């Protein structure tokens, strides 16, 4: 089961302006500030499937760490 686009966009922030990355089309995410307002210069777009895999891997790594006493 693939995570929803909305879930992922709430987890991704632009490294340039701190805005959120949102779906810009069916298969890609990009900085919503750069796309909508043109006040951010980060025109990077990334594939949705790559983002989903990366987010799930990071969550698994975080969840598998031992609990600090």
C-alpha atoms as a PDB file:
ATOM      1  CA  UNK A   1       0.000   0.000   0.000  1.00  0.00           C
ATOM      2  CA  UNK A   2       1.456   3.348  -1.041  1.00  0.00           C
ATOM      3  CA  UNK A   3       1.148   6.303   1.351  1.00  0.00           C
ATOM      4  CA  UNK A   4      -1.241   9.043   0.304  1.00  0.00           C
ATOM      5  CA  UNK A   5       0.110  12.189  -1.291  1.00  0.00           C
ATOM      6  CA  UNK A   6      -1.307  14.352   1.471  1.00  0.00           C
ATOM      7  CA  UNK A   7       0.494  12.376   4.177  1.00  0.00           C
ATOM      8  CA  UNK A   8       3.823  12.737   2.413  1.00  0.00           C
ATOM      9  CA  UNK A   9       3.488  16.436   1.650  1.00  0.00           C
ATOM     10  CA  UNK A  10       3.033  17.153   5.355  1.00  0.00           C
ATOM     11  CA  UNK A  11       6.398  15.491   6.058  1.00  0.00           C
ATOM     12  CA  UNK A  12       8.529  17.199   3.410  1.00  0.00           C
ATOM     13  CA  UNK A  13       9.940  20.703   3.796  1.00  0.00           C
ATOM     14  CA  UNK A  14      11.883  22.790   1.327  1.00  0.00           C
ATOM     15  CA  UNK A  15      15.534  23.102   2.284  1.00  0.00           C
ATOM     16  CA  UNK A  16      15.653  26.631   0.882  1.00  0.00           C
ATOM     17  CA  UNK A  17      12.584  28.382   2.285  1.00  0.00           C
ATOM     18  CA  UNK A  18      11.088  25.941   4.805  1.00  0.00           C
ATOM     19  CA  UNK A  19       7.817  25.731   2.879  1.00  0.00           C
ATOM     20  CA  UNK A  20       6.151  22.403   2.253  1.00  0.00           C
ATOM     21  CA  UNK A  21       6.673  20.198  -0.749  1.00  0.00           C
ATOM     22  CA  UNK A  22       3.350  19.367  -2.358  1.00  0.00           C
ATOM     23  CA  UNK A  23       2.187  17.316  -5.300  1.00  0.00           C
ATOM     24  CA  UNK A  24       2.731  19.306  -8.453  1.00  0.00           C
ATOM     25  CA  UNK A  25       1.393  16.560 -10.693  1.00  0.00           C
ATOM     26  CA  UNK A  26       0.471  12.890 -10.479  1.00  0.00           C
ATOM     27  CA  UNK A  27       4.069  11.692 -10.139  1.00  0.00           C
ATOM     28  CA  UNK A  28       6.102  14.572  -8.673  1.00  0.00           C
ATOM     29  CA  UNK A  29       6.524  16.810  -5.609  1.00  0.00           C
ATOM     30  CA  UNK A  30       8.027  20.281  -5.526  1.00  0.00           C
ATOM     31  CA  UNK A  31       8.281  23.312  -3.266  1.00  0.00           C
ATOM     32  CA  UNK A  32       4.806  24.800  -3.143  1.00  0.00           C
ATOM     33  CA  UNK A  33       6.221  28.260  -2.449  1.00  0.00           C
ATOM     34  CA  UNK A  34       8.388  28.103  -5.573  1.00  0.00           C
ATOM     35  CA  UNK A  35       5.542  26.712  -7.668  1.00  0.00           C
ATOM     36  CA  UNK A  36       2.718  28.959  -6.430  1.00  0.00           C
ATOM     37  CA  UNK A  37       4.297  32.216  -5.286  1.00  0.00           C
ATOM     38  CA  UNK A  38       7.663  32.233  -7.086  1.00  0.00           C
ATOM     39  CA  UNK A  39       9.279  33.610  -3.902  1.00  0.00           C
ATOM     40  CA  UNK A  40      11.536  30.562  -3.499  1.00  0.00           C
ATOM     41  CA  UNK A  41      14.223  29.680  -6.004  1.00  0.00           C
ATOM     42  CA  UNK A  42      14.097  25.929  -5.308  1.00  0.00           C
ATOM     43  CA  UNK A  43      12.694  24.498  -8.529  1.00  0.00           C
ATOM     44  CA  UNK A  44      13.744  20.951  -7.654  1.00  0.00           C
ATOM     45  CA  UNK A  45      11.100  18.344  -8.349  1.00  0.00           C
ATOM     46  CA  UNK A  46      11.258  14.807  -7.073  1.00  0.00           C
ATOM     47  CA  UNK A  47       9.383  11.647  -7.948  1.00  0.00           C
ATOM     48  CA  UNK A  48       6.527  10.622  -5.667  1.00  0.00           C
ATOM     49  CA  UNK A  49       7.634   6.981  -5.510  1.00  0.00           C
ATOM     50  CA  UNK A  50      11.159   7.990  -4.440  1.00  0.00           C
ATOM     51  CA  UNK A  51       9.791  10.237  -1.691  1.00  0.00           C
ATOM     52  CA  UNK A  52       7.476   7.490  -0.432  1.00  0.00           C
ATOM     53  CA  UNK A  53      10.280   4.964  -0.190  1.00  0.00           C
ATOM     54  CA  UNK A  54      12.614   7.429   1.548  1.00  0.00           C
ATOM     55  CA  UNK A  55      10.006   8.510   4.108  1.00  0.00           C
ATOM     56  CA  UNK A  56       9.110   4.913   4.938  1.00  0.00           C
ATOM     57  CA  UNK A  57      12.784   3.917   5.285  1.00  0.00           C
ATOM     58  CA  UNK A  58      13.453   6.837   7.653  1.00  0.00           C
ATOM     59  CA  UNK A  59      10.377   6.024   9.718  1.00  0.00           C
ATOM     60  CA  UNK A  60      11.435   2.380   9.986  1.00  0.00           C
ATOM     61  CA  UNK A  61      14.957   3.384  11.080  1.00  0.00           C
ATOM     62  CA  UNK A  62      13.518   5.718  13.720  1.00  0.00           C
ATOM     63  CA  UNK A  63      11.018   3.163  15.016  1.00  0.00           C
ATOM     64  CA  UNK A  64      13.607   0.370  15.231  1.00  0.00           C
ATOM     65  CA  UNK A  65      15.954   2.328  17.533  1.00  0.00           C
ATOM     66  CA  UNK A  66      16.004   1.188  21.162  1.00  0.00           C
ATOM     67  CA  UNK A  67      14.109   3.307  23.649  1.00  0.00           C
ATOM     68  CA  UNK A  68      16.378   5.406  25.854  1.00  0.00           C
ATOM     69  CA  UNK A  69      16.059   4.632  29.577  1.00  0.00           C
END
